[in-house]
Each structure stands twice: as structure tokens, then as C-alpha cells.
Amino acid sequence: MAVLPTFRYEHPDSMSQLADLLASCSVRPAFLSGGTDLIPAMRSGKESPSLVIDLKGLSGLGGIRATDSGLWIGALTPVQSLRTDALVQQRATALRDCAQYFASWQVRNRATVGGNLGNGAPTADTAAPLVALGAEIVAWRPQGSRTISSDDFWVGAGQTALQQDEIITAVELSLEPGTSSAYLKLGPREAMDIAIAGAGVVLRTEQGRVREVRIALGGAGSTPVRAHQAEAFLLDRKLDAAAMAEAGCLAARASNPRTSRRASREYRLAVIPVLVERALRLALERQAER
């Protein structure tokens, strides 16, 4: 097993301690929450931070609770909680879906929601569902807090809108009554592998017609992609097989995936319509269960 490089380790137990630490440091820190991404990257030499700040001692940054408009999810919440929490299962089923696909049981219990977002990967399992759900990312730095729309959070491959001294503290969801959601992922294996592509859908129908829809794609570009043209096509339509197939094609046209060692660009463009169509069908089935 590769030995970790030498680094300075800090473990603040309050936000005030964290603020003092950030004010005094002159280097860009690496923030540690679950460590399932950072530690392997340090072992492989991909990351070599001189300062690691462990966030696990900060209170108030974990858990899931209902709010007046939806859900609050703390950044230090283990991904496994998305799979088991009753509120998520009832109100944000796409997040339960993504947790079911997420790595192994051991990793889900260690990895955190904030850490999965903070690494900036457009194929992160929480990314497409949270974009589809219209999530707001709550970020904190010593100067204060702000919210970042999930549509604006990713700015490039592995890059986010977070500042150097900024951490994610929570994810906030505003959930319209009557909506259902779904997420589907295609990977080489059902778990323990990064997605080739994924599709998250939020849907609300009335009298058989689409009244609200959001479609977000992972693995379709350098950031998660909103399929705006597909959404506009579906509004006020009956969601039949032909409409779902056309929405899938329109979503693929909005995509600009790359070729990687996991899949070619052409393969991703071929599977995105299928994932969107199936995610729409699953969200529609869940509408009937409400």
C-alpha cells in the first residue's frame, strides 16, 4: 500500500476554529470529510496537499430534516442516509436511487454528500439528481455564507464555484407538491464504478399532461447538463412513449460528452436517450403511486 506524503493535519471542532485556521494559513487546504476520494488521490500522487483540514468534528453539518419548502441535507451526511432516510424516500426519490448505485455499503457509510459534490466530478452520483431537483448548495467561508444554484455549481471538469477557503455546509431542496423523481445510471458494474452516463428527472403531471419537468444528465459534458430543449418539448404534452423517446433524443443533442477509458463519446450519445426515456417512465410510474 502506498504511503501518504507528509502533510499538516488540522481537526477543528467549531466553525470559529475553522475560521481562525483559514485566516492564518497561506496555502490552499484540502478539506477532508469522508476521505473516500481524497485519501486514494493522495496515495496515488494525484493530490499532494501540504495542509489537510478534517471537517468531521464540526457539529451541525450532518443529518436530514424537513423544511417549510422541502429538505435540508447536511454536507457531512453519509451517502447511505440518502438510501435509508424516510423523508428522502418520500420526497426526493432520485436521491435514494443514486445512493443505491453508489459504490459499496462500506463506502456509502463513509462518503459524504458534501464530499461527493465538492470533488467537482460531472459523473458524481449525486450530481444529476441534485441538478434535476433544483438544489441550492450552501457554502461557508469566514466572511459569511452564500447559496449557489446547482445549475451554476459546476464550472468545468473537476471544478466548482467554491472559493479556496469555502466549504459546503448543506444542500437545500425546494420540492413542489405532487412531483416525483427518478435517477438512472449506466456503469460497467452496478456499483463500485464511476458512471458512464446518468439521467435525473423531476416530473409533475396533471390530467395526463406534463406540468413541470426537469432533466439533468451526468457524463454528458464537462459539467452536469440540463436538457432544456427536452424539457420545453415535454411541457403540456401527454407523456406517452413517443414523447419520451423524442425527449431522449433532444437530451442527447444537448450533450457534449468526451471519449474516456470508460466509454467513447459515440457510445455515451447512444445511451443517453435510453436513460432519459427510462428515467421519465420511472418518474411517471411514481406519479401514479402518489
Protein backbone atom coordinates (compact mmCIF):
# COMPACT_ATOMS: atom_id res chain seq x y z
CA MET A 1 0.00 0.00 0.00
CA ALA A 2 1.36 3.41 -0.96
CA VAL A 3 2.45 5.63 1.92
CA LEU A 4 0.77 9.01 2.23
CA PRO A 5 3.04 12.01 1.67
CA THR A 6 3.87 14.22 4.63
CA PHE A 7 1.27 16.89 5.35
CA ARG A 8 -0.02 19.09 8.15
CA TYR A 9 -3.26 17.83 9.67
CA GLU A 10 -5.82 20.02 11.46
CA HIS A 11 -9.10 18.96 13.08
CA PRO A 12 -11.20 22.00 14.12
CA ASP A 13 -14.25 21.30 16.28
CA SER A 14 -16.12 24.55 15.63
CA MET A 15 -16.71 26.98 12.79
CA SER A 16 -14.86 29.69 14.73
CA GLN A 17 -11.80 27.45 14.99
CA LEU A 18 -12.05 26.73 11.28
CA ALA A 19 -12.30 30.46 10.53
CA ASP A 20 -9.16 31.18 12.60
CA LEU A 21 -7.32 28.34 10.89
CA LEU A 22 -8.21 29.54 7.41
CA ALA A 23 -7.27 33.12 8.27
CA SER A 24 -3.81 32.01 9.36
CA CYS A 25 -2.93 29.61 6.55
CA SER A 26 -1.15 30.74 3.38
CA VAL A 27 -1.67 27.58 1.32
CA ARG A 28 -4.73 26.08 -0.31
CA PRO A 29 -6.05 23.43 2.08
CA ALA A 30 -7.57 20.10 1.18
CA PHE A 31 -10.81 19.53 3.07
CA LEU A 32 -11.44 16.03 4.41
CA SER A 33 -14.95 14.82 5.15
CA GLY A 34 -15.38 11.15 4.25
CA GLY A 35 -12.00 10.81 2.57
CA THR A 36 -13.13 8.24 0.00
CA ASP A 37 -11.89 10.46 -2.83
CA LEU A 38 -9.10 12.45 -1.17
CA ILE A 39 -7.15 9.64 0.50
CA PRO A 40 -6.89 7.44 -2.64
CA ALA A 41 -5.88 10.54 -4.63
CA MET A 42 -3.13 11.27 -2.11
CA ARG A 43 -1.93 7.66 -2.14
CA SER A 44 -1.70 7.69 -5.94
CA GLY A 45 0.06 11.06 -6.05
CA LYS A 46 -2.80 12.74 -7.89
CA GLU A 47 -3.22 15.07 -4.91
CA SER A 48 -0.39 16.24 -2.64
CA PRO A 49 -1.78 18.88 -0.25
CA SER A 50 0.53 20.32 2.38
CA LEU A 51 -2.46 21.05 4.65
CA VAL A 52 -5.44 18.75 5.26
CA ILE A 53 -8.35 20.10 7.32
CA ASP A 54 -10.62 17.41 8.72
CA LEU A 55 -14.22 18.68 8.86
CA LYS A 56 -15.75 15.72 10.68
CA GLY A 57 -15.52 17.43 14.08
CA LEU A 58 -17.81 20.30 13.04
CA SER A 59 -21.23 19.96 14.63
CA GLY A 60 -24.49 20.77 12.92
CA LEU A 61 -23.39 19.77 9.42
CA GLY A 62 -25.00 16.33 9.34
CA GLY A 63 -28.49 14.93 9.12
CA ILE A 64 -31.62 15.35 7.02
CA ARG A 65 -34.67 17.34 8.05
CA ALA A 66 -37.85 18.70 6.55
CA THR A 67 -38.19 22.43 5.92
CA ASP A 68 -41.18 24.57 5.01
CA SER A 69 -40.34 24.20 1.32
CA GLY A 70 -38.57 20.86 1.10
CA LEU A 71 -35.49 19.23 2.62
CA TRP A 72 -32.24 20.27 4.29
CA ILE A 73 -29.34 17.84 3.93
CA GLY A 74 -26.15 18.48 5.90
CA ALA A 75 -22.87 18.27 4.00
CA LEU A 76 -21.43 15.67 6.39
CA THR A 77 -24.42 13.36 5.94
CA PRO A 78 -23.26 9.91 4.81
CA VAL A 79 -24.49 8.92 1.36
CA GLN A 80 -26.01 5.81 2.93
CA SER A 81 -28.53 8.08 4.70
CA LEU A 82 -29.96 9.09 1.32
CA ARG A 83 -30.78 5.43 0.79
CA THR A 84 -32.47 4.85 4.15
CA ASP A 85 -33.99 8.17 5.24
CA ALA A 86 -37.82 8.16 5.12
CA LEU A 87 -38.05 11.82 4.07
CA VAL A 88 -35.77 11.23 1.09
CA GLN A 89 -37.68 8.12 0.09
CA GLN A 90 -40.97 10.00 0.19
CA ARG A 91 -39.99 13.38 -1.26
CA ALA A 92 -36.73 13.08 -3.26
CA THR A 93 -36.68 9.54 -4.61
CA ALA A 94 -33.99 10.36 -7.18
CA LEU A 95 -31.52 10.76 -4.31
CA ARG A 96 -32.45 7.35 -2.95
CA ASP A 97 -31.88 5.96 -6.46
CA CYS A 98 -28.40 7.50 -6.69
CA ALA A 99 -27.43 6.15 -3.26
CA GLN A 100 -28.44 2.66 -4.32
CA TYR A 101 -25.97 2.85 -7.20
CA PHE A 102 -23.25 4.44 -5.08
CA ALA A 103 -20.16 2.29 -4.56
CA SER A 104 -20.33 -0.30 -1.77
CA TRP A 105 -22.07 -0.39 1.60
CA GLN A 106 -18.78 0.46 3.32
CA VAL A 107 -18.06 3.44 1.06
CA ARG A 108 -21.64 4.76 1.31
CA ASN A 109 -21.33 4.83 5.09
CA ARG A 110 -18.06 6.77 4.89
CA ALA A 111 -18.56 9.07 1.88
CA THR A 112 -20.50 12.29 2.48
CA VAL A 113 -22.94 14.28 0.36
CA GLY A 114 -20.74 17.38 0.54
CA GLY A 115 -17.60 15.48 -0.38
CA ASN A 116 -19.25 13.86 -3.39
CA LEU A 117 -20.27 17.30 -4.63
CA GLY A 118 -17.05 19.08 -3.70
CA ASN A 119 -14.78 16.96 -5.89
CA GLY A 120 -16.48 18.54 -8.91
CA ALA A 121 -16.87 15.36 -10.97
CA PRO A 122 -19.70 15.72 -13.54
CA THR A 123 -20.35 11.98 -13.17
CA ALA A 124 -20.69 12.12 -9.36
CA ASP A 125 -23.72 10.07 -8.42
CA THR A 126 -25.37 12.92 -6.51
CA ALA A 127 -24.78 15.50 -9.25
CA ALA A 128 -27.50 14.85 -11.86
CA PRO A 129 -30.24 14.11 -9.27
CA LEU A 130 -29.49 17.32 -7.35
CA VAL A 131 -29.45 19.41 -10.53
CA ALA A 132 -32.77 17.87 -11.58
CA LEU A 133 -34.18 18.59 -8.12
CA GLY A 134 -33.09 22.24 -8.39
CA ALA A 135 -30.88 22.02 -5.32
CA GLU A 136 -29.20 25.02 -3.72
CA ILE A 137 -25.68 24.41 -2.40
CA VAL A 138 -24.98 26.28 0.84
CA ALA A 139 -21.34 27.34 1.09
CA TRP A 140 -19.48 28.90 4.04
CA ARG A 141 -16.27 30.84 4.36
CA PRO A 142 -15.00 33.08 7.19
CA GLN A 143 -16.59 36.12 5.52
CA GLY A 144 -20.07 34.55 5.58
CA SER A 145 -22.38 32.09 3.87
CA ARG A 146 -23.98 32.07 0.42
CA THR A 147 -26.12 29.75 -1.69
CA ILE A 148 -25.12 28.54 -5.15
CA SER A 149 -27.66 27.16 -7.59
CA SER A 150 -26.85 23.59 -8.60
CA ASP A 151 -27.13 24.81 -12.21
CA ASP A 152 -24.13 27.09 -11.55
CA PHE A 153 -22.14 24.99 -9.08
CA TRP A 154 -20.02 23.08 -11.64
CA VAL A 155 -17.85 25.32 -13.80
CA GLY A 156 -15.67 22.71 -15.53
CA ALA A 157 -14.40 19.16 -15.26
CA GLY A 158 -13.38 18.74 -11.63
CA GLN A 159 -14.04 22.43 -10.98
CA THR A 160 -16.73 24.06 -8.87
CA ALA A 161 -17.76 27.59 -7.97
CA LEU A 162 -16.31 27.18 -4.45
CA GLN A 163 -13.60 29.61 -3.39
CA GLN A 164 -10.28 28.39 -1.98
CA ASP A 165 -11.38 28.86 1.63
CA GLU A 166 -15.01 27.82 1.12
CA ILE A 167 -16.71 24.60 2.21
CA ILE A 168 -20.13 23.12 1.55
CA THR A 169 -22.28 23.09 4.69
CA ALA A 170 -25.63 21.88 3.34
CA VAL A 171 -27.84 21.16 0.37
CA GLU A 172 -31.33 22.68 0.33
CA LEU A 173 -34.20 21.37 -1.78
CA SER A 174 -37.45 23.20 -2.55
CA LEU A 175 -39.90 20.49 -3.55
CA GLU A 176 -43.18 21.27 -5.28
CA PRO A 177 -46.14 19.20 -4.05
CA GLY A 178 -47.06 16.40 -6.42
CA THR A 179 -43.65 15.96 -8.03
CA SER A 180 -41.92 12.63 -8.45
CA SER A 181 -38.31 11.98 -9.34
CA ALA A 182 -36.00 9.25 -10.61
CA TYR A 183 -32.35 8.67 -11.40
CA LEU A 184 -30.78 6.01 -13.59
CA LYS A 185 -27.09 5.33 -14.06
CA LEU A 186 -25.20 3.25 -16.58
CA GLY A 187 -21.84 1.92 -15.46
CA PRO A 188 -19.58 -1.04 -16.22
CA ARG A 189 -20.89 -2.55 -12.97
CA GLU A 190 -23.93 -1.82 -10.82
CA ALA A 191 -21.72 -0.41 -8.06
CA MET A 192 -18.07 0.41 -7.30
CA ASP A 193 -17.64 2.15 -10.63
CA ILE A 194 -17.99 5.69 -11.95
CA ALA A 195 -20.97 6.27 -14.21
CA ILE A 196 -20.60 6.19 -17.97
CA ALA A 197 -23.75 8.34 -18.06
CA GLY A 198 -26.73 9.07 -15.82
CA ALA A 199 -30.09 10.81 -16.06
CA GLY A 200 -32.08 12.51 -13.31
CA VAL A 201 -35.71 13.51 -13.83
CA VAL A 202 -38.23 15.50 -11.80
CA LEU A 203 -41.82 15.34 -13.03
CA ARG A 204 -45.30 16.62 -12.22
CA THR A 205 -48.34 15.75 -14.30
CA GLU A 206 -51.97 16.84 -14.18
CA GLN A 207 -54.76 15.13 -16.10
CA GLY A 208 -52.19 13.11 -18.00
CA ARG A 209 -50.14 16.09 -19.21
CA VAL A 210 -46.73 17.33 -18.11
CA ARG A 211 -46.94 20.47 -15.99
CA GLU A 212 -43.38 20.51 -14.68
CA VAL A 213 -40.24 18.65 -15.73
CA ARG A 214 -36.50 18.95 -15.15
CA ILE A 215 -33.96 16.67 -16.81
CA ALA A 216 -30.29 16.59 -15.82
CA LEU A 217 -27.53 14.43 -17.26
CA GLY A 218 -24.24 13.18 -15.89
CA GLY A 219 -21.41 12.09 -18.17
CA ALA A 220 -22.85 14.26 -20.94
CA GLY A 221 -20.25 17.02 -20.77
CA SER A 222 -17.59 18.60 -18.58
CA THR A 223 -20.35 19.57 -16.13
CA PRO A 224 -23.80 18.13 -15.42
CA VAL A 225 -26.08 19.11 -18.32
CA ARG A 226 -29.65 20.43 -18.13
CA ALA A 227 -31.68 19.25 -21.11
CA HIS A 228 -33.66 22.47 -21.53
CA GLN A 229 -34.89 21.73 -25.05
CA ALA A 230 -36.23 18.34 -23.99
CA GLU A 231 -37.96 19.94 -21.00
CA ALA A 232 -39.62 22.57 -23.21
CA PHE A 233 -40.76 19.89 -25.64
CA LEU A 234 -42.50 17.89 -22.90
CA LEU A 235 -44.39 20.73 -21.23
CA ASP A 236 -48.17 20.42 -21.65
CA ARG A 237 -47.77 17.17 -23.59
CA LYS A 238 -49.13 13.76 -22.81
CA LEU A 239 -46.17 11.69 -21.66
CA ASP A 240 -46.55 8.74 -23.98
CA ALA A 241 -43.84 6.50 -25.43
CA ALA A 242 -43.28 8.72 -28.47
CA ALA A 243 -42.89 11.86 -26.35
CA MET A 244 -40.42 10.17 -24.00
CA ALA A 245 -38.36 8.87 -26.93
CA GLU A 246 -38.23 12.31 -28.55
CA ALA A 247 -37.22 13.90 -25.23
CA GLY A 248 -34.37 11.43 -25.01
CA CYS A 249 -33.16 12.37 -28.47
CA LEU A 250 -33.35 16.07 -27.65
CA ALA A 251 -31.38 15.46 -24.44
CA ALA A 252 -28.64 13.76 -26.44
CA ARG A 253 -28.47 16.76 -28.77
CA ALA A 254 -27.83 18.98 -25.74
CA SER A 255 -24.92 16.75 -24.71
CA ASN A 256 -21.25 17.10 -25.50
CA PRO A 257 -19.59 14.07 -23.89
CA ARG A 258 -15.96 13.12 -24.29
CA THR A 259 -14.25 9.86 -25.04
CA SER A 260 -12.58 8.36 -21.97
CA ARG A 261 -11.22 4.97 -20.95
CA ARG A 262 -14.73 4.07 -19.71
CA ALA A 263 -16.64 4.82 -22.90
CA SER A 264 -16.44 6.62 -26.20
CA ARG A 265 -18.27 9.83 -26.99
CA GLU A 266 -20.39 7.95 -29.52
CA TYR A 267 -21.42 5.32 -27.00
CA ARG A 268 -22.47 7.95 -24.46
CA LEU A 269 -24.53 9.75 -27.10
CA ALA A 270 -26.22 6.44 -27.93
CA VAL A 271 -27.16 5.55 -24.34
CA ILE A 272 -28.28 8.99 -23.12
CA PRO A 273 -31.65 8.84 -24.97
CA VAL A 274 -32.35 5.43 -23.46
CA LEU A 275 -31.50 6.58 -19.93
CA VAL A 276 -33.70 9.68 -20.25
CA GLU A 277 -36.62 7.69 -21.65
CA ARG A 278 -36.39 5.10 -18.87
CA ALA A 279 -35.99 7.73 -16.14
CA LEU A 280 -39.07 9.56 -17.44
CA ARG A 281 -41.03 6.32 -17.44
CA LEU A 282 -39.96 5.53 -13.88
CA ALA A 283 -40.87 9.03 -12.68
CA LEU A 284 -44.25 8.69 -14.40
CA GLU A 285 -44.89 5.38 -12.65
CA ARG A 286 -44.12 7.05 -9.36
CA GLN A 287 -46.60 9.80 -10.17
CA ALA A 288 -49.31 7.16 -10.24
CA GLU A 289 -48.26 6.00 -6.77
CA ARG A 290 -48.77 9.42 -5.20
